[in-house]
Structures are given as structure tokens and as C-alpha cells.
Amino acid sequence: MINFLYQKFGEPELVFQNPNGNKLSKYKGILVVDVDTWLNVSDHASIWTGSRCADSCYFPYAKKAYLWDLED
């Protein structure tokens, strides 16, 4: 998924180390969290509303997050 987003939208506007909701609270967009503890996948994509993910954010497992900004 992350490779598709890079191809479609270019570089993410923001990259966060050890992401959490507080760090991302000013933003909305497509959020990809990079998780290195899962065996079958390495990242998860979701829509970030500014306060929560449309599904699950997986912040406790994420080492890095990439955000492509979506304008209102």
C-alpha cells in the first residue's frame, strides 16, 4: 500500500517517529503506520480524521507513521 501511495501522491507531507494521536491531532489525511513486529504485513493504511482512524491506528505497535494530507 505504501508504495502505491508514493507512486500516486509522491512524498508524504508528514513523517512521525513513534506516532500517537496527540502528535497527529492537527492533521487529517491518509495515514500509514509502519509496524515491524507483525509477521505477515509491515504497514497499515487508514483515514485519519484528526482524532481517530477510520478503523484501527495500531499506534502501540507503530515505529513510524506517514501522512498524506487531505484538504477539507
N, C-alpha and C. Protein backbone atom coordinates (compact mmCIF):
# COMPACT_ATOMS: atom_id res chain seq x y z
N MET A 1 0.82 -1.20 0.00
CA MET A 1 0.00 0.00 0.00
C MET A 1 0.86 1.26 0.00
N ILE A 2 1.90 1.27 0.82
CA ILE A 2 2.70 2.49 0.92
C ILE A 2 3.38 2.81 -0.41
N ASN A 3 3.80 1.78 -1.15
CA ASN A 3 4.41 2.03 -2.46
C ASN A 3 3.41 2.66 -3.42
N PHE A 4 2.17 2.20 -3.39
CA PHE A 4 1.12 2.78 -4.22
C PHE A 4 0.92 4.25 -3.88
N LEU A 5 0.86 4.57 -2.59
CA LEU A 5 0.66 5.97 -2.18
C LEU A 5 1.81 6.86 -2.62
N TYR A 6 3.04 6.37 -2.52
CA TYR A 6 4.18 7.14 -3.01
C TYR A 6 4.06 7.38 -4.51
N GLN A 7 3.66 6.35 -5.27
CA GLN A 7 3.52 6.50 -6.72
C GLN A 7 2.39 7.45 -7.08
N LYS A 8 1.29 7.36 -6.37
CA LYS A 8 0.10 8.16 -6.69
C LYS A 8 0.21 9.61 -6.21
N PHE A 9 0.74 9.81 -4.97
CA PHE A 9 0.72 11.13 -4.35
C PHE A 9 2.10 11.72 -4.08
N GLY A 10 3.16 10.95 -4.33
CA GLY A 10 4.50 11.45 -4.04
C GLY A 10 4.85 11.30 -2.57
N GLU A 11 5.79 12.09 -2.12
CA GLU A 11 6.24 12.04 -0.73
C GLU A 11 5.11 12.44 0.22
N PRO A 12 5.02 11.80 1.38
CA PRO A 12 4.02 12.23 2.36
C PRO A 12 4.36 13.62 2.89
N GLU A 13 3.34 14.36 3.27
CA GLU A 13 3.58 15.70 3.83
C GLU A 13 4.25 15.63 5.19
N LEU A 14 3.95 14.58 5.93
CA LEU A 14 4.48 14.45 7.29
C LEU A 14 4.94 13.03 7.56
N VAL A 15 6.02 12.90 8.32
CA VAL A 15 6.51 11.61 8.79
C VAL A 15 6.79 11.76 10.28
N PHE A 16 6.25 10.86 11.07
CA PHE A 16 6.39 10.91 12.53
C PHE A 16 7.07 9.65 13.04
N GLN A 17 8.02 9.80 13.94
CA GLN A 17 8.59 8.67 14.67
C GLN A 17 7.70 8.40 15.87
N ASN A 18 7.51 7.14 16.22
CA ASN A 18 6.70 6.75 17.39
C ASN A 18 5.38 7.53 17.42
N PRO A 19 4.53 7.35 16.43
CA PRO A 19 3.31 8.16 16.31
C PRO A 19 2.30 7.88 17.41
N ASN A 20 1.49 8.89 17.67
CA ASN A 20 0.33 8.75 18.56
C ASN A 20 -0.69 9.81 18.17
N GLY A 21 -1.87 9.71 18.73
CA GLY A 21 -2.94 10.63 18.38
C GLY A 21 -2.63 12.08 18.68
N ASN A 22 -1.89 12.34 19.75
CA ASN A 22 -1.55 13.72 20.09
C ASN A 22 -0.66 14.36 19.03
N LYS A 23 0.31 13.62 18.52
CA LYS A 23 1.21 14.16 17.50
C LYS A 23 0.47 14.47 16.20
N LEU A 24 -0.60 13.74 15.94
CA LEU A 24 -1.31 13.86 14.67
C LEU A 24 -2.59 14.69 14.75
N SER A 25 -2.89 15.24 15.91
CA SER A 25 -4.20 15.86 16.14
C SER A 25 -4.48 17.08 15.26
N LYS A 26 -3.48 17.71 14.71
CA LYS A 26 -3.68 18.90 13.87
C LYS A 26 -3.95 18.56 12.41
N TYR A 27 -3.89 17.28 12.06
CA TYR A 27 -3.89 16.87 10.67
C TYR A 27 -5.04 15.94 10.34
N LYS A 28 -5.35 15.84 9.04
CA LYS A 28 -6.31 14.88 8.50
C LYS A 28 -5.73 14.33 7.22
N GLY A 29 -5.94 13.05 6.96
CA GLY A 29 -5.45 12.52 5.71
C GLY A 29 -5.33 11.02 5.69
N ILE A 30 -4.56 10.54 4.73
CA ILE A 30 -4.28 9.12 4.61
C ILE A 30 -3.08 8.82 5.50
N LEU A 31 -3.28 7.94 6.43
CA LEU A 31 -2.25 7.60 7.41
C LEU A 31 -1.77 6.17 7.17
N VAL A 32 -0.47 5.99 7.10
CA VAL A 32 0.12 4.66 7.04
C VAL A 32 1.05 4.53 8.22
N VAL A 33 0.83 3.49 9.03
CA VAL A 33 1.74 3.22 10.14
C VAL A 33 2.64 2.06 9.76
N ASP A 34 3.91 2.20 10.09
CA ASP A 34 4.93 1.19 9.82
C ASP A 34 5.12 0.37 11.09
N VAL A 35 4.83 -0.91 10.98
CA VAL A 35 4.91 -1.82 12.13
C VAL A 35 5.92 -2.91 11.81
N ASP A 36 6.91 -3.09 12.66
CA ASP A 36 7.92 -4.11 12.37
C ASP A 36 7.75 -5.39 13.20
N THR A 37 6.69 -5.49 13.98
CA THR A 37 6.50 -6.68 14.81
C THR A 37 5.52 -7.68 14.21
N TRP A 38 4.82 -7.32 13.14
CA TRP A 38 3.88 -8.24 12.51
C TRP A 38 4.63 -9.18 11.57
N LEU A 39 4.18 -10.40 11.47
CA LEU A 39 4.84 -11.38 10.62
C LEU A 39 4.39 -11.34 9.17
N ASN A 40 3.12 -11.04 8.93
CA ASN A 40 2.59 -11.16 7.57
C ASN A 40 2.45 -9.84 6.82
N VAL A 41 2.53 -8.71 7.50
CA VAL A 41 2.46 -7.39 6.86
C VAL A 41 3.41 -6.44 7.58
N SER A 42 3.73 -5.33 6.94
CA SER A 42 4.64 -4.38 7.58
C SER A 42 4.02 -3.01 7.79
N ASP A 43 2.86 -2.76 7.18
CA ASP A 43 2.24 -1.45 7.39
C ASP A 43 0.72 -1.57 7.32
N HIS A 44 0.07 -0.52 7.77
CA HIS A 44 -1.40 -0.47 7.77
C HIS A 44 -1.82 0.93 7.35
N ALA A 45 -2.77 1.01 6.44
CA ALA A 45 -3.27 2.30 5.96
C ALA A 45 -4.68 2.53 6.48
N SER A 46 -4.98 3.79 6.78
CA SER A 46 -6.30 4.18 7.26
C SER A 46 -6.52 5.65 6.93
N ILE A 47 -7.74 6.10 7.11
CA ILE A 47 -8.05 7.52 7.02
C ILE A 47 -7.98 8.08 8.43
N TRP A 48 -7.19 9.13 8.62
CA TRP A 48 -7.04 9.80 9.91
C TRP A 48 -7.92 11.05 9.89
N THR A 49 -8.83 11.16 10.86
CA THR A 49 -9.81 12.26 10.90
C THR A 49 -9.33 13.47 11.69
N GLY A 50 -8.19 13.37 12.33
CA GLY A 50 -7.72 14.42 13.22
C GLY A 50 -7.85 14.02 14.67
N SER A 51 -8.67 12.99 14.91
CA SER A 51 -8.82 12.49 16.28
C SER A 51 -8.83 10.97 16.36
N ARG A 52 -9.06 10.31 15.22
CA ARG A 52 -9.08 8.84 15.24
C ARG A 52 -8.92 8.30 13.82
N CYS A 53 -8.62 7.02 13.74
CA CYS A 53 -8.56 6.33 12.45
C CYS A 53 -9.94 5.82 12.08
N ALA A 54 -10.20 5.70 10.79
CA ALA A 54 -11.48 5.17 10.34
C ALA A 54 -11.67 3.73 10.80
N ASP A 55 -10.57 3.00 10.99
CA ASP A 55 -10.65 1.64 11.52
C ASP A 55 -9.75 1.53 12.74
N SER A 56 -8.56 0.99 12.59
CA SER A 56 -7.61 0.90 13.71
C SER A 56 -6.32 1.61 13.36
N CYS A 57 -5.73 2.28 14.34
CA CYS A 57 -4.49 3.02 14.11
C CYS A 57 -3.23 2.20 14.40
N TYR A 58 -3.32 1.29 15.34
CA TYR A 58 -2.19 0.45 15.73
C TYR A 58 -1.00 1.25 16.25
N PHE A 59 -1.25 2.40 16.87
CA PHE A 59 -0.17 3.23 17.39
C PHE A 59 0.75 2.49 18.37
N PRO A 60 0.23 1.63 19.25
CA PRO A 60 1.14 0.95 20.18
C PRO A 60 2.20 0.09 19.49
N TYR A 61 1.94 -0.33 18.27
CA TYR A 61 2.86 -1.19 17.52
C TYR A 61 3.68 -0.44 16.49
N ALA A 62 3.34 0.81 16.24
CA ALA A 62 3.94 1.57 15.14
C ALA A 62 5.26 2.22 15.54
N LYS A 63 6.25 2.10 14.66
CA LYS A 63 7.52 2.80 14.89
C LYS A 63 7.58 4.10 14.09
N LYS A 64 6.77 4.19 13.04
CA LYS A 64 6.78 5.38 12.18
C LYS A 64 5.41 5.52 11.53
N ALA A 65 5.02 6.75 11.23
CA ALA A 65 3.77 7.00 10.52
C ALA A 65 4.01 8.00 9.40
N TYR A 66 3.31 7.79 8.30
CA TYR A 66 3.38 8.66 7.13
C TYR A 66 1.99 9.23 6.92
N LEU A 67 1.90 10.53 6.66
CA LEU A 67 0.60 11.15 6.48
C LEU A 67 0.58 11.95 5.18
N TRP A 68 -0.37 11.59 4.32
CA TRP A 68 -0.66 12.37 3.12
C TRP A 68 -1.86 13.22 3.44
N ASP A 69 -1.69 14.51 3.40
CA ASP A 69 -2.71 15.46 3.82
C ASP A 69 -3.89 15.46 2.85
N LEU A 70 -5.10 15.49 3.41
CA LEU A 70 -6.32 15.65 2.63
C LEU A 70 -6.96 16.96 3.04
N GLU A 71 -7.18 17.83 2.09
CA GLU A 71 -7.79 19.12 2.40
C GLU A 71 -9.28 18.94 2.65
N ASP A 72 -9.82 19.81 3.50
CA ASP A 72 -11.27 19.77 3.79
C ASP A 72 -12.06 20.17 2.58
